């Protein structure tokens, strides 16, 4: 659980002011999303897909007070 919280903190720092993500960042974002939701979404560069994934992760951040 602590590892997940640290990854969420790192996610918030990484996405705070960013709008474009490189391949490594997208892999981490989708890995984090899949861990949280227990889904298996594949990494994509589709902007609306990435946006919905980021929104869901941010909801989780708020849930944990991050």
PDB file of N, CA and C in Angstrom:
ATOM      1  N   UNK A   1       0.817  -1.195   0.000  1.00  0.00           N
ATOM      2  CA  UNK A   1       0.000   0.000   0.000  1.00  0.00           C
ATOM      3  C   UNK A   1       0.866   1.266   0.000  1.00  0.00           C
ATOM      4  N   UNK A   2       1.954   1.234   0.747  1.00  0.00           N
ATOM      5  CA  UNK A   2       2.836   2.403   0.787  1.00  0.00           C
ATOM      6  C   UNK A   2       3.478   2.644  -0.571  1.00  0.00           C
ATOM      7  N   UNK A   3       3.810   1.567  -1.270  1.00  0.00           N
ATOM      8  CA  UNK A   3       4.376   1.696  -2.607  1.00  0.00           C
ATOM      9  C   UNK A   3       3.370   2.375  -3.539  1.00  0.00           C
ATOM     10  N   UNK A   4       2.111   1.968  -3.440  1.00  0.00           N
ATOM     11  CA  UNK A   4       1.070   2.577  -4.269  1.00  0.00           C
ATOM     12  C   UNK A   4       0.932   4.060  -3.941  1.00  0.00           C
ATOM     13  N   UNK A   5       0.938   4.399  -2.671  1.00  0.00           N
ATOM     14  CA  UNK A   5       0.823   5.809  -2.281  1.00  0.00           C
ATOM     15  C   UNK A   5       1.998   6.619  -2.818  1.00  0.00           C
ATOM     16  N   UNK A   6       3.203   6.069  -2.752  1.00  0.00           N
ATOM     17  CA  UNK A   6       4.378   6.788  -3.264  1.00  0.00           C
ATOM     18  C   UNK A   6       4.271   6.966  -4.772  1.00  0.00           C
ATOM     19  N   UNK A   7       3.797   5.955  -5.466  1.00  0.00           N
ATOM     20  CA  UNK A   7       3.626   6.066  -6.914  1.00  0.00           C
ATOM     21  C   UNK A   7       2.570   7.114  -7.249  1.00  0.00           C
ATOM     22  N   UNK A   8       1.530   7.224  -6.433  1.00  0.00           N
ATOM     23  CA  UNK A   8       0.516   8.254  -6.653  1.00  0.00           C
ATOM     24  C   UNK A   8       1.099   9.644  -6.444  1.00  0.00           C
ATOM     25  N   UNK A   9       1.941   9.797  -5.419  1.00  0.00           N
ATOM     26  CA  UNK A   9       2.609  11.082  -5.180  1.00  0.00           C
ATOM     27  C   UNK A   9       3.490  11.422  -6.373  1.00  0.00           C
ATOM     28  N   UNK A  10       4.258  10.459  -6.846  1.00  0.00           N
ATOM     29  CA  UNK A  10       5.124  10.679  -8.007  1.00  0.00           C
ATOM     30  C   UNK A  10       4.293  11.046  -9.236  1.00  0.00           C
ATOM     31  N   UNK A  11       3.155  10.390  -9.385  1.00  0.00           N
ATOM     32  CA  UNK A  11       2.245  10.677 -10.495  1.00  0.00           C
ATOM     33  C   UNK A  11       1.774  12.130 -10.434  1.00  0.00           C
ATOM     34  N   UNK A  12       1.360  12.584  -9.254  1.00  0.00           N
ATOM     35  CA  UNK A  12       0.881  13.965  -9.102  1.00  0.00           C
ATOM     36  C   UNK A  12       1.976  14.954  -9.470  1.00  0.00           C
ATOM     37  N   UNK A  13       3.177  14.679  -9.040  1.00  0.00           N
ATOM     38  CA  UNK A  13       4.299  15.568  -9.360  1.00  0.00           C
ATOM     39  C   UNK A  13       4.534  15.581 -10.866  1.00  0.00           C
ATOM     40  N   UNK A  14       4.517  14.398 -11.497  1.00  0.00           N
ATOM     41  CA  UNK A  14       4.798  14.280 -12.930  1.00  0.00           C
ATOM     42  C   UNK A  14       3.712  14.958 -13.765  1.00  0.00           C
ATOM     43  N   UNK A  15       2.460  14.848 -13.364  1.00  0.00           N
ATOM     44  CA  UNK A  15       1.362  15.338 -14.203  1.00  0.00           C
ATOM     45  C   UNK A  15       0.866  16.717 -13.797  1.00  0.00           C
ATOM     46  N   UNK A  16       1.473  17.317 -12.816  1.00  0.00           N
ATOM     47  CA  UNK A  16       0.974  18.580 -12.283  1.00  0.00           C
ATOM     48  C   UNK A  16       0.743  19.632 -13.363  1.00  0.00           C
ATOM     49  N   UNK A  17       1.702  19.911 -14.188  1.00  0.00           N
ATOM     50  CA  UNK A  17       1.571  20.960 -15.200  1.00  0.00           C
ATOM     51  C   UNK A  17       1.801  20.434 -16.615  1.00  0.00           C
ATOM     52  N   UNK A  18       1.853  19.142 -16.757  1.00  0.00           N
ATOM     53  CA  UNK A  18       2.215  18.537 -18.024  1.00  0.00           C
ATOM     54  C   UNK A  18       0.981  18.217 -18.865  1.00  0.00           C
ATOM     55  N   UNK A  19       1.119  18.324 -20.180  1.00  0.00           N
ATOM     56  CA  UNK A  19       0.018  17.955 -21.066  1.00  0.00           C
ATOM     57  C   UNK A  19       0.455  16.947 -22.126  1.00  0.00           C
ATOM     58  N   UNK A  20       1.755  16.758 -22.294  1.00  0.00           N
ATOM     59  CA  UNK A  20       2.285  15.800 -23.264  1.00  0.00           C
ATOM     60  C   UNK A  20       3.199  14.841 -22.508  1.00  0.00           C
ATOM     61  N   UNK A  21       3.043  13.543 -22.783  1.00  0.00           N
ATOM     62  CA  UNK A  21       3.807  12.520 -22.061  1.00  0.00           C
ATOM     63  C   UNK A  21       4.605  11.675 -23.043  1.00  0.00           C
ATOM     64  N   UNK A  22       5.817  11.303 -22.645  1.00  0.00           N
ATOM     65  CA  UNK A  22       6.625  10.425 -23.491  1.00  0.00           C
ATOM     66  C   UNK A  22       6.232   8.973 -23.236  1.00  0.00           C
ATOM     67  N   UNK A  23       6.797   8.063 -23.992  1.00  0.00           N
ATOM     68  CA  UNK A  23       6.431   6.654 -23.902  1.00  0.00           C
ATOM     69  C   UNK A  23       6.625   6.051 -22.523  1.00  0.00           C
ATOM     70  N   UNK A  24       7.722   6.381 -21.874  1.00  0.00           N
ATOM     71  CA  UNK A  24       7.999   5.862 -20.536  1.00  0.00           C
ATOM     72  C   UNK A  24       6.956   6.350 -19.537  1.00  0.00           C
ATOM     73  N   UNK A  25       6.608   7.623 -19.628  1.00  0.00           N
ATOM     74  CA  UNK A  25       5.596   8.179 -18.722  1.00  0.00           C
ATOM     75  C   UNK A  25       4.237   7.538 -18.955  1.00  0.00           C
ATOM     76  N   UNK A  26       3.882   7.331 -20.219  1.00  0.00           N
ATOM     77  CA  UNK A  26       2.607   6.682 -20.525  1.00  0.00           C
ATOM     78  C   UNK A  26       2.567   5.259 -19.973  1.00  0.00           C
ATOM     79  N   UNK A  27       3.673   4.536 -20.086  1.00  0.00           N
ATOM     80  CA  UNK A  27       3.721   3.177 -19.533  1.00  0.00           C
ATOM     81  C   UNK A  27       3.466   3.198 -18.035  1.00  0.00           C
ATOM     82  N   UNK A  28       4.082   4.134 -17.341  1.00  0.00           N
ATOM     83  CA  UNK A  28       3.900   4.238 -15.887  1.00  0.00           C
ATOM     84  C   UNK A  28       2.466   4.634 -15.549  1.00  0.00           C
ATOM     85  N   UNK A  29       1.907   5.572 -16.294  1.00  0.00           N
ATOM     86  CA  UNK A  29       0.534   6.007 -16.047  1.00  0.00           C
ATOM     87  C   UNK A  29      -0.435   4.840 -16.211  1.00  0.00           C
ATOM     88  N   UNK A  30      -0.289   4.084 -17.293  1.00  0.00           N
ATOM     89  CA  UNK A  30      -1.197   2.963 -17.530  1.00  0.00           C
ATOM     90  C   UNK A  30      -0.958   1.820 -16.547  1.00  0.00           C
ATOM     91  N   UNK A  31       0.289   1.593 -16.154  1.00  0.00           N
ATOM     92  CA  UNK A  31       0.585   0.564 -15.155  1.00  0.00           C
ATOM     93  C   UNK A  31      -0.073   0.917 -13.827  1.00  0.00           C
ATOM     94  N   UNK A  32       0.013   2.171 -13.448  1.00  0.00           N
ATOM     95  CA  UNK A  32      -0.612   2.633 -12.217  1.00  0.00           C
ATOM     96  C   UNK A  32      -2.124   2.498 -12.292  1.00  0.00           C
ATOM     97  N   UNK A  33      -2.699   2.902 -13.397  1.00  0.00           N
ATOM     98  CA  UNK A  33      -4.145   2.777 -13.605  1.00  0.00           C
ATOM     99  C   UNK A  33      -4.579   1.315 -13.503  1.00  0.00           C
ATOM    100  N   UNK A  34      -3.857   0.429 -14.182  1.00  0.00           N
ATOM    101  CA  UNK A  34      -4.213  -0.985 -14.162  1.00  0.00           C
ATOM    102  C   UNK A  34      -4.095  -1.582 -12.769  1.00  0.00           C
ATOM    103  N   UNK A  35      -3.110  -1.134 -12.012  1.00  0.00           N
ATOM    104  CA  UNK A  35      -2.959  -1.625 -10.641  1.00  0.00           C
ATOM    105  C   UNK A  35      -4.125  -1.170  -9.769  1.00  0.00           C
ATOM    106  N   UNK A  36      -4.535   0.067  -9.936  1.00  0.00           N
ATOM    107  CA  UNK A  36      -5.629   0.616  -9.133  1.00  0.00           C
ATOM    108  C   UNK A  36      -6.960  -0.032  -9.489  1.00  0.00           C
ATOM    109  N   UNK A  37      -7.234  -0.150 -10.772  1.00  0.00           N
ATOM    110  CA  UNK A  37      -8.555  -0.609 -11.226  1.00  0.00           C
ATOM    111  C   UNK A  37      -8.631  -2.112 -11.431  1.00  0.00           C
ATOM    112  N   UNK A  38      -7.506  -2.784 -11.431  1.00  0.00           N
ATOM    113  CA  UNK A  38      -7.435  -4.221 -11.722  1.00  0.00           C
ATOM    114  C   UNK A  38      -7.873  -4.530 -13.157  1.00  0.00           C
ATOM    115  N   UNK A  39      -7.797  -3.525 -14.031  1.00  0.00           N
ATOM    116  CA  UNK A  39      -8.078  -3.708 -15.445  1.00  0.00           C
ATOM    117  C   UNK A  39      -6.769  -4.003 -16.164  1.00  0.00           C
ATOM    118  N   UNK A  40      -6.844  -4.150 -17.466  1.00  0.00           N
ATOM    119  CA  UNK A  40      -5.638  -4.386 -18.253  1.00  0.00           C
ATOM    120  C   UNK A  40      -5.670  -3.518 -19.505  1.00  0.00           C
ATOM    121  N   UNK A  41      -5.773  -2.212 -19.307  1.00  0.00           N
ATOM    122  CA  UNK A  41      -5.771  -1.296 -20.457  1.00  0.00           C
ATOM    123  C   UNK A  41      -4.381  -1.226 -21.046  1.00  0.00           C
ATOM    124  N   UNK A  42      -4.332  -1.237 -22.349  1.00  0.00           N
ATOM    125  CA  UNK A  42      -3.066  -1.148 -23.059  1.00  0.00           C
ATOM    126  C   UNK A  42      -2.658   0.317 -23.217  1.00  0.00           C
ATOM    127  N   UNK A  43      -1.367   0.548 -23.240  1.00  0.00           N
ATOM    128  CA  UNK A  43      -0.833   1.895 -23.412  1.00  0.00           C
ATOM    129  C   UNK A  43      -1.255   2.417 -24.784  1.00  0.00           C
ATOM    130  N   UNK A  44      -1.713   3.654 -24.808  1.00  0.00           N
ATOM    131  CA  UNK A  44      -2.133   4.287 -26.048  1.00  0.00           C
ATOM    132  C   UNK A  44      -1.749   5.763 -26.008  1.00  0.00           C
ATOM    133  N   UNK A  45      -1.676   6.372 -27.167  1.00  0.00           N
ATOM    134  CA  UNK A  45      -1.416   7.810 -27.239  1.00  0.00           C
ATOM    135  C   UNK A  45      -2.694   8.586 -27.525  1.00  0.00           C
ATOM    136  N   UNK A  46      -3.831   7.900 -27.575  1.00  0.00           N
ATOM    137  CA  UNK A  46      -5.128   8.544 -27.782  1.00  0.00           C
ATOM    138  C   UNK A  46      -5.343   9.556 -26.654  1.00  0.00           C
ATOM    139  N   UNK A  47      -5.480  10.831 -27.006  1.00  0.00           N
ATOM    140  CA  UNK A  47      -5.534  11.878 -25.987  1.00  0.00           C
ATOM    141  C   UNK A  47      -6.744  11.742 -25.064  1.00  0.00           C
ATOM    142  N   UNK A  48      -7.896  11.361 -25.580  1.00  0.00           N
ATOM    143  CA  UNK A  48      -9.069  11.226 -24.708  1.00  0.00           C
ATOM    144  C   UNK A  48      -8.931  10.006 -23.794  1.00  0.00           C
ATOM    145  N   UNK A  49      -8.299   8.955 -24.285  1.00  0.00           N
ATOM    146  CA  UNK A  49      -8.065   7.769 -23.452  1.00  0.00           C
ATOM    147  C   UNK A  49      -7.097   8.101 -22.315  1.00  0.00           C
ATOM    148  N   UNK A  50      -6.020   8.767 -22.656  1.00  0.00           N
ATOM    149  CA  UNK A  50      -5.032   9.159 -21.643  1.00  0.00           C
ATOM    150  C   UNK A  50      -5.683  10.090 -20.629  1.00  0.00           C
ATOM    151  N   UNK A  51      -6.485  11.010 -21.101  1.00  0.00           N
ATOM    152  CA  UNK A  51      -7.166  11.949 -20.210  1.00  0.00           C
ATOM    153  C   UNK A  51      -8.081  11.229 -19.223  1.00  0.00           C
ATOM    154  N   UNK A  52      -8.837  10.239 -19.698  1.00  0.00           N
ATOM    155  CA  UNK A  52      -9.740   9.519 -18.800  1.00  0.00           C
ATOM    156  C   UNK A  52      -8.957   8.693 -17.779  1.00  0.00           C
ATOM    157  N   UNK A  53      -7.835   8.128 -18.194  1.00  0.00           N
ATOM    158  CA  UNK A  53      -6.989   7.370 -17.272  1.00  0.00           C
ATOM    159  C   UNK A  53      -6.420   8.301 -16.203  1.00  0.00           C
ATOM    160  N   UNK A  54      -5.932   9.450 -16.611  1.00  0.00           N
ATOM    161  CA  UNK A  54      -5.367  10.417 -15.659  1.00  0.00           C
ATOM    162  C   UNK A  54      -6.441  10.913 -14.696  1.00  0.00           C
ATOM    163  N   UNK A  55      -7.633  11.172 -15.201  1.00  0.00           N
ATOM    164  CA  UNK A  55      -8.730  11.613 -14.334  1.00  0.00           C
ATOM    165  C   UNK A  55      -9.012  10.574 -13.260  1.00  0.00           C
ATOM    166  N   UNK A  56      -9.058   9.313 -13.648  1.00  0.00           N
ATOM    167  CA  UNK A  56      -9.331   8.249 -12.671  1.00  0.00           C
ATOM    168  C   UNK A  56      -8.220   8.164 -11.631  1.00  0.00           C
ATOM    169  N   UNK A  57      -6.982   8.282 -12.057  1.00  0.00           N
ATOM    170  CA  UNK A  57      -5.872   8.217 -11.105  1.00  0.00           C
ATOM    171  C   UNK A  57      -5.934   9.410 -10.156  1.00  0.00           C
ATOM    172  N   UNK A  58      -6.282  10.579 -10.670  1.00  0.00           N
ATOM    173  CA  UNK A  58      -6.397  11.759  -9.800  1.00  0.00           C
ATOM    174  C   UNK A  58      -7.509  11.574  -8.772  1.00  0.00           C
ATOM    175  N   UNK A  59      -8.575  10.890  -9.145  1.00  0.00           N
ATOM    176  CA  UNK A  59      -9.642  10.585  -8.182  1.00  0.00           C
ATOM    177  C   UNK A  59      -9.091   9.718  -7.054  1.00  0.00           C
ATOM    178  N   UNK A  60      -8.269   8.766  -7.402  1.00  0.00           N
ATOM    179  CA  UNK A  60      -7.637   7.913  -6.401  1.00  0.00           C
ATOM    180  C   UNK A  60      -6.694   8.724  -5.512  1.00  0.00           C
ATOM    181  N   UNK A  61      -5.979   9.670  -6.100  1.00  0.00           N
ATOM    182  CA  UNK A  61      -5.094  10.539  -5.323  1.00  0.00           C
ATOM    183  C   UNK A  61      -5.898  11.296  -4.274  1.00  0.00           C
ATOM    184  N   UNK A  62      -7.029  11.844  -4.681  1.00  0.00           N
ATOM    185  CA  UNK A  62      -7.887  12.572  -3.736  1.00  0.00           C
ATOM    186  C   UNK A  62      -8.390  11.630  -2.647  1.00  0.00           C
ATOM    187  N   UNK A  63      -8.725  10.418  -3.027  1.00  0.00           N
ATOM    188  CA  UNK A  63      -9.215   9.422  -2.061  1.00  0.00           C
ATOM    189  C   UNK A  63      -8.183   9.170  -0.964  1.00  0.00           C
ATOM    190  N   UNK A  64      -6.911   9.149  -1.346  1.00  0.00           N
ATOM    191  CA  UNK A  64      -5.829   8.928  -0.385  1.00  0.00           C
ATOM    192  C   UNK A  64      -5.271  10.218   0.209  1.00  0.00           C
ATOM    193  N   UNK A  65      -5.868  11.358  -0.161  1.00  0.00           N
ATOM    194  CA  UNK A  65      -5.427  12.631   0.374  1.00  0.00           C
ATOM    195  C   UNK A  65      -4.113  13.116  -0.180  1.00  0.00           C
ATOM    196  N   UNK A  66      -3.827  12.749  -1.438  1.00  0.00           N
ATOM    197  CA  UNK A  66      -2.551  13.113  -2.067  1.00  0.00           C
ATOM    198  C   UNK A  66      -2.778  14.278  -3.012  1.00  0.00           C
TER     199      UNK A  66
END
